Amino acid sequence: MGLIEVNGIRVYAYHGCLAEEGRIGGHFRVDVSVEGNLAVAEESDKLADTIDYGRVTGIVRKEMAVRANLIEHVARRILNALKAEWDGDHRWRIRVVKEHPPVAGAVDHVVYTLEG
């Protein structure tokens, strides 16, 4: 079993329940990891035989560009899109980090993690 991690995909997006978040936007980070049998890629040295992290990043950016109220919803869309791109027996983990959310008090970030 192998593990690929694409960490710190930075995007500026407009997610949140408050109207201001839809107008002003905010900073987000997304981490994606995928675990699975990558033995073919280990032997072949061909990009076609593995999970292309450039494509992973593109999918994350595309889904993050579609406004949502909840980061939970965005995480689900990202997971679904990744699974649609790479069929097979892979175990995905999506972590969406919303930096400095507009909540009472000083909060550095909130995180939602989804596995599937």
N, C-alpha and C. Protein backbone atom coordinates (compact mmCIF):
# COMPACT_ATOMS: atom_id res chain seq x y z
N MET A 1 0.85 -1.18 0.00
CA MET A 1 0.00 0.00 0.00
C MET A 1 0.89 1.24 0.00
N GLY A 2 0.47 2.22 -0.78
CA GLY A 2 1.19 3.49 -0.83
C GLY A 2 0.28 4.63 -0.39
N LEU A 3 0.89 5.73 -0.06
CA LEU A 3 0.15 6.90 0.40
C LEU A 3 0.69 8.13 -0.33
N ILE A 4 -0.20 8.85 -0.98
CA ILE A 4 0.12 10.13 -1.61
C ILE A 4 -0.58 11.22 -0.81
N GLU A 5 0.17 12.27 -0.48
CA GLU A 5 -0.40 13.41 0.23
C GLU A 5 -0.13 14.68 -0.56
N VAL A 6 -1.18 15.44 -0.79
CA VAL A 6 -1.07 16.75 -1.42
C VAL A 6 -1.56 17.73 -0.36
N ASN A 7 -0.63 18.43 0.26
CA ASN A 7 -0.96 19.26 1.42
C ASN A 7 -0.80 20.74 1.12
N GLY A 8 -1.69 21.52 1.71
CA GLY A 8 -1.57 22.97 1.64
C GLY A 8 -1.99 23.57 0.31
N ILE A 9 -3.00 23.01 -0.32
CA ILE A 9 -3.55 23.63 -1.54
C ILE A 9 -4.26 24.90 -1.08
N ARG A 10 -3.72 26.03 -1.45
CA ARG A 10 -4.25 27.32 -0.97
C ARG A 10 -5.18 27.92 -2.01
N VAL A 11 -6.35 28.33 -1.53
CA VAL A 11 -7.34 28.98 -2.41
C VAL A 11 -8.02 30.11 -1.66
N TYR A 12 -8.46 31.07 -2.42
CA TYR A 12 -9.31 32.13 -1.89
C TYR A 12 -10.71 31.81 -2.39
N ALA A 13 -11.66 31.64 -1.47
CA ALA A 13 -13.00 31.20 -1.86
C ALA A 13 -14.05 31.94 -1.05
N TYR A 14 -15.30 31.68 -1.36
CA TYR A 14 -16.43 32.46 -0.83
C TYR A 14 -17.43 31.58 -0.08
N HIS A 15 -16.93 30.64 0.72
CA HIS A 15 -17.79 29.74 1.47
C HIS A 15 -18.14 30.31 2.83
N GLY A 16 -19.37 30.06 3.25
CA GLY A 16 -19.81 30.48 4.58
C GLY A 16 -21.28 30.83 4.58
N CYS A 17 -21.86 30.76 5.75
CA CYS A 17 -23.29 31.03 5.90
C CYS A 17 -23.62 32.52 5.94
N LEU A 18 -22.66 33.34 6.24
CA LEU A 18 -22.91 34.78 6.32
C LEU A 18 -22.82 35.42 4.94
N ALA A 19 -23.69 36.38 4.69
CA ALA A 19 -23.70 37.07 3.40
C ALA A 19 -22.35 37.73 3.10
N GLU A 20 -21.70 38.26 4.14
CA GLU A 20 -20.40 38.90 3.95
C GLU A 20 -19.36 37.93 3.41
N GLU A 21 -19.44 36.68 3.84
CA GLU A 21 -18.48 35.68 3.36
C GLU A 21 -18.63 35.45 1.86
N GLY A 22 -19.87 35.57 1.38
CA GLY A 22 -20.12 35.42 -0.05
C GLY A 22 -19.60 36.60 -0.86
N ARG A 23 -19.50 37.76 -0.23
CA ARG A 23 -19.01 38.96 -0.92
C ARG A 23 -17.51 39.15 -0.74
N ILE A 24 -17.03 38.93 0.48
CA ILE A 24 -15.64 39.23 0.82
C ILE A 24 -14.72 38.02 0.58
N GLY A 25 -15.21 36.85 0.91
CA GLY A 25 -14.40 35.65 0.76
C GLY A 25 -13.39 35.48 1.88
N GLY A 26 -12.58 34.46 1.74
CA GLY A 26 -11.58 34.18 2.76
C GLY A 26 -10.56 33.17 2.27
N HIS A 27 -9.55 32.96 3.10
CA HIS A 27 -8.47 32.04 2.78
C HIS A 27 -8.80 30.63 3.27
N PHE A 28 -8.52 29.66 2.42
CA PHE A 28 -8.75 28.26 2.73
C PHE A 28 -7.51 27.47 2.34
N ARG A 29 -7.31 26.35 3.03
CA ARG A 29 -6.30 25.37 2.65
C ARG A 29 -6.99 24.02 2.56
N VAL A 30 -6.56 23.21 1.62
CA VAL A 30 -7.11 21.87 1.47
C VAL A 30 -5.95 20.88 1.41
N ASP A 31 -6.07 19.81 2.19
CA ASP A 31 -5.12 18.70 2.15
C ASP A 31 -5.86 17.48 1.64
N VAL A 32 -5.21 16.75 0.75
CA VAL A 32 -5.79 15.53 0.20
C VAL A 32 -4.78 14.41 0.36
N SER A 33 -5.24 13.29 0.86
CA SER A 33 -4.38 12.10 0.87
C SER A 33 -5.17 10.94 0.28
N VAL A 34 -4.43 10.06 -0.36
CA VAL A 34 -5.05 8.88 -0.96
C VAL A 34 -4.13 7.69 -0.71
N GLU A 35 -4.73 6.64 -0.21
CA GLU A 35 -3.99 5.42 0.08
C GLU A 35 -4.52 4.32 -0.82
N GLY A 36 -3.62 3.53 -1.35
CA GLY A 36 -4.05 2.42 -2.19
C GLY A 36 -2.86 1.64 -2.71
N ASN A 37 -3.16 0.66 -3.51
CA ASN A 37 -2.12 -0.16 -4.11
C ASN A 37 -1.53 0.60 -5.30
N LEU A 38 -0.35 1.12 -5.13
CA LEU A 38 0.33 1.88 -6.18
C LEU A 38 1.54 1.12 -6.71
N ALA A 39 1.50 -0.20 -6.57
CA ALA A 39 2.63 -1.04 -6.98
C ALA A 39 2.93 -0.92 -8.48
N VAL A 40 1.90 -0.78 -9.30
CA VAL A 40 2.13 -0.65 -10.75
C VAL A 40 2.96 0.60 -11.04
N ALA A 41 2.61 1.71 -10.42
CA ALA A 41 3.36 2.95 -10.62
C ALA A 41 4.78 2.83 -10.07
N GLU A 42 4.94 2.12 -8.96
CA GLU A 42 6.27 1.93 -8.39
C GLU A 42 7.20 1.23 -9.38
N GLU A 43 6.65 0.32 -10.16
CA GLU A 43 7.44 -0.42 -11.13
C GLU A 43 7.54 0.28 -12.48
N SER A 44 6.44 0.87 -12.94
CA SER A 44 6.38 1.42 -14.30
C SER A 44 7.04 2.79 -14.44
N ASP A 45 7.01 3.59 -13.39
CA ASP A 45 7.50 4.97 -13.43
C ASP A 45 6.70 5.82 -14.41
N LYS A 46 5.39 5.51 -14.55
CA LYS A 46 4.52 6.24 -15.47
C LYS A 46 3.43 6.97 -14.69
N LEU A 47 3.24 8.25 -15.03
CA LEU A 47 2.24 9.07 -14.38
C LEU A 47 0.83 8.48 -14.55
N ALA A 48 0.58 7.86 -15.67
CA ALA A 48 -0.74 7.29 -15.94
C ALA A 48 -1.10 6.17 -14.96
N ASP A 49 -0.11 5.62 -14.27
CA ASP A 49 -0.35 4.50 -13.35
C ASP A 49 -0.52 4.92 -11.89
N THR A 50 -0.63 6.22 -11.65
CA THR A 50 -0.74 6.68 -10.28
C THR A 50 -1.77 7.80 -10.18
N ILE A 51 -1.87 8.39 -9.02
CA ILE A 51 -2.74 9.54 -8.79
C ILE A 51 -1.91 10.79 -9.10
N ASP A 52 -2.30 11.52 -10.12
CA ASP A 52 -1.58 12.72 -10.56
C ASP A 52 -1.95 13.88 -9.64
N TYR A 53 -0.99 14.33 -8.83
CA TYR A 53 -1.32 15.37 -7.85
C TYR A 53 -1.55 16.72 -8.51
N GLY A 54 -1.12 16.91 -9.73
CA GLY A 54 -1.50 18.12 -10.47
C GLY A 54 -2.99 18.12 -10.77
N ARG A 55 -3.51 16.96 -11.16
CA ARG A 55 -4.95 16.83 -11.39
C ARG A 55 -5.73 16.93 -10.09
N VAL A 56 -5.18 16.37 -9.01
CA VAL A 56 -5.83 16.51 -7.70
C VAL A 56 -6.00 17.99 -7.36
N THR A 57 -4.93 18.75 -7.53
CA THR A 57 -4.97 20.18 -7.24
C THR A 57 -5.99 20.89 -8.11
N GLY A 58 -6.06 20.55 -9.38
CA GLY A 58 -7.04 21.15 -10.29
C GLY A 58 -8.47 20.86 -9.88
N ILE A 59 -8.73 19.64 -9.46
CA ILE A 59 -10.08 19.26 -9.01
C ILE A 59 -10.44 20.03 -7.75
N VAL A 60 -9.51 20.12 -6.82
CA VAL A 60 -9.77 20.87 -5.58
C VAL A 60 -10.10 22.32 -5.91
N ARG A 61 -9.29 22.95 -6.76
CA ARG A 61 -9.52 24.36 -7.12
C ARG A 61 -10.88 24.55 -7.80
N LYS A 62 -11.25 23.62 -8.66
CA LYS A 62 -12.54 23.71 -9.36
C LYS A 62 -13.70 23.63 -8.36
N GLU A 63 -13.64 22.69 -7.45
CA GLU A 63 -14.73 22.53 -6.48
C GLU A 63 -14.76 23.68 -5.46
N MET A 64 -13.61 24.18 -5.09
CA MET A 64 -13.55 25.30 -4.15
C MET A 64 -14.08 26.58 -4.78
N ALA A 65 -14.10 26.67 -6.09
CA ALA A 65 -14.60 27.86 -6.79
C ALA A 65 -16.13 27.95 -6.78
N VAL A 66 -16.79 26.86 -6.43
CA VAL A 66 -18.26 26.84 -6.38
C VAL A 66 -18.69 27.14 -4.94
N ARG A 67 -19.37 28.26 -4.76
CA ARG A 67 -19.74 28.71 -3.42
C ARG A 67 -20.63 27.71 -2.70
N ALA A 68 -20.39 27.58 -1.40
CA ALA A 68 -21.22 26.74 -0.53
C ALA A 68 -21.32 27.41 0.83
N ASN A 69 -22.36 27.08 1.55
CA ASN A 69 -22.51 27.59 2.90
C ASN A 69 -21.56 26.89 3.87
N LEU A 70 -21.37 25.60 3.68
CA LEU A 70 -20.63 24.79 4.65
C LEU A 70 -19.39 24.16 4.04
N ILE A 71 -18.30 24.14 4.80
CA ILE A 71 -17.11 23.46 4.30
C ILE A 71 -17.33 21.94 4.26
N GLU A 72 -18.27 21.44 5.02
CA GLU A 72 -18.62 20.03 4.95
C GLU A 72 -19.11 19.67 3.54
N HIS A 73 -19.92 20.55 2.98
CA HIS A 73 -20.47 20.34 1.64
C HIS A 73 -19.35 20.39 0.59
N VAL A 74 -18.46 21.35 0.73
CA VAL A 74 -17.34 21.47 -0.20
C VAL A 74 -16.46 20.22 -0.14
N ALA A 75 -16.18 19.74 1.06
CA ALA A 75 -15.37 18.53 1.22
C ALA A 75 -16.01 17.34 0.52
N ARG A 76 -17.32 17.21 0.64
CA ARG A 76 -18.03 16.10 -0.02
C ARG A 76 -17.93 16.21 -1.54
N ARG A 77 -18.07 17.43 -2.07
CA ARG A 77 -17.95 17.62 -3.52
C ARG A 77 -16.55 17.25 -4.00
N ILE A 78 -15.55 17.66 -3.24
CA ILE A 78 -14.17 17.33 -3.61
C ILE A 78 -13.97 15.82 -3.60
N LEU A 79 -14.41 15.17 -2.55
CA LEU A 79 -14.27 13.71 -2.46
C LEU A 79 -14.97 13.02 -3.63
N ASN A 80 -16.20 13.42 -3.91
CA ASN A 80 -16.94 12.81 -5.02
C ASN A 80 -16.23 13.01 -6.35
N ALA A 81 -15.69 14.19 -6.58
CA ALA A 81 -14.99 14.48 -7.84
C ALA A 81 -13.72 13.66 -7.97
N LEU A 82 -12.98 13.50 -6.88
CA LEU A 82 -11.76 12.70 -6.92
C LEU A 82 -12.08 11.24 -7.19
N LYS A 83 -13.11 10.73 -6.52
CA LYS A 83 -13.51 9.33 -6.74
C LYS A 83 -13.98 9.10 -8.18
N ALA A 84 -14.63 10.10 -8.76
CA ALA A 84 -15.09 9.98 -10.14
C ALA A 84 -13.90 9.97 -11.11
N GLU A 85 -12.85 10.69 -10.76
CA GLU A 85 -11.66 10.77 -11.62
C GLU A 85 -10.83 9.49 -11.56
N TRP A 86 -10.70 8.91 -10.38
CA TRP A 86 -9.90 7.70 -10.20
C TRP A 86 -10.76 6.63 -9.55
N ASP A 87 -11.23 5.72 -10.38
CA ASP A 87 -11.98 4.60 -9.82
C ASP A 87 -10.96 3.61 -9.23
N GLY A 88 -11.44 2.69 -8.53
CA GLY A 88 -10.55 1.72 -7.90
C GLY A 88 -10.69 1.74 -6.40
N ASP A 89 -9.91 0.90 -5.79
CA ASP A 89 -9.98 0.72 -4.34
C ASP A 89 -8.99 1.65 -3.65
N HIS A 90 -9.34 2.94 -3.60
CA HIS A 90 -8.50 3.94 -2.95
C HIS A 90 -9.22 4.45 -1.70
N ARG A 91 -8.45 4.81 -0.73
CA ARG A 91 -8.99 5.40 0.51
C ARG A 91 -8.57 6.86 0.52
N TRP A 92 -9.54 7.76 0.41
CA TRP A 92 -9.30 9.20 0.32
C TRP A 92 -9.53 9.87 1.66
N ARG A 93 -8.79 10.95 1.90
CA ARG A 93 -9.01 11.78 3.07
C ARG A 93 -8.89 13.24 2.61
N ILE A 94 -9.95 14.02 2.87
CA ILE A 94 -10.01 15.42 2.48
C ILE A 94 -10.07 16.24 3.76
N ARG A 95 -9.24 17.26 3.84
CA ARG A 95 -9.21 18.15 5.00
C ARG A 95 -9.35 19.58 4.50
N VAL A 96 -10.45 20.24 4.83
CA VAL A 96 -10.69 21.61 4.41
C VAL A 96 -10.49 22.51 5.63
N VAL A 97 -9.59 23.48 5.49
CA VAL A 97 -9.25 24.39 6.58
C VAL A 97 -9.72 25.79 6.20
N LYS A 98 -10.56 26.37 7.03
CA LYS A 98 -11.03 27.74 6.84
C LYS A 98 -10.26 28.62 7.82
N GLU A 99 -9.45 29.52 7.27
CA GLU A 99 -8.63 30.37 8.11
C GLU A 99 -9.41 31.57 8.62
N HIS A 100 -9.20 31.90 9.88
CA HIS A 100 -9.81 33.06 10.53
C HIS A 100 -11.32 33.20 10.26
N PRO A 101 -12.11 32.21 10.67
CA PRO A 101 -13.55 32.28 10.44
C PRO A 101 -14.17 33.42 11.25
N PRO A 102 -15.26 33.98 10.73
CA PRO A 102 -15.91 35.11 11.43
C PRO A 102 -16.79 34.62 12.58
N VAL A 103 -16.15 34.23 13.66
CA VAL A 103 -16.88 33.80 14.85
C VAL A 103 -16.44 34.67 16.02
N ALA A 104 -17.22 34.68 17.07
CA ALA A 104 -16.87 35.48 18.26
C ALA A 104 -15.57 34.94 18.85
N GLY A 105 -14.65 35.82 19.12
CA GLY A 105 -13.37 35.42 19.67
C GLY A 105 -12.32 35.24 18.59
N ALA A 106 -11.11 35.11 18.99
CA ALA A 106 -10.01 34.93 18.05
C ALA A 106 -9.84 33.44 17.75
N VAL A 107 -10.12 33.06 16.52
CA VAL A 107 -10.00 31.68 16.09
C VAL A 107 -9.07 31.64 14.88
N ASP A 108 -8.02 30.87 14.98
CA ASP A 108 -7.04 30.77 13.90
C ASP A 108 -7.65 30.09 12.67
N HIS A 109 -8.28 28.93 12.89
CA HIS A 109 -8.90 28.23 11.77
C HIS A 109 -9.86 27.14 12.29
N VAL A 110 -10.74 26.73 11.40
CA VAL A 110 -11.59 25.58 11.66
C VAL A 110 -11.30 24.55 10.57
N VAL A 111 -11.51 23.28 10.90
CA VAL A 111 -11.16 22.21 9.98
C VAL A 111 -12.31 21.21 9.89
N TYR A 112 -12.56 20.75 8.66
CA TYR A 112 -13.47 19.63 8.48
C TYR A 112 -12.71 18.54 7.73
N THR A 113 -12.77 17.32 8.23
CA THR A 113 -12.08 16.19 7.62
C THR A 113 -13.10 15.15 7.21
N LEU A 114 -12.94 14.66 5.98
CA LEU A 114 -13.85 13.66 5.42
C LEU A 114 -13.03 12.53 4.84
N GLU A 115 -13.43 11.30 5.14
CA GLU A 115 -12.75 10.13 4.59
C GLU A 115 -13.73 9.28 3.82
N GLY A 116 -13.23 8.65 2.80
CA GLY A 116 -14.11 7.78 2.02
C GLY A 116 -13.39 7.07 0.92
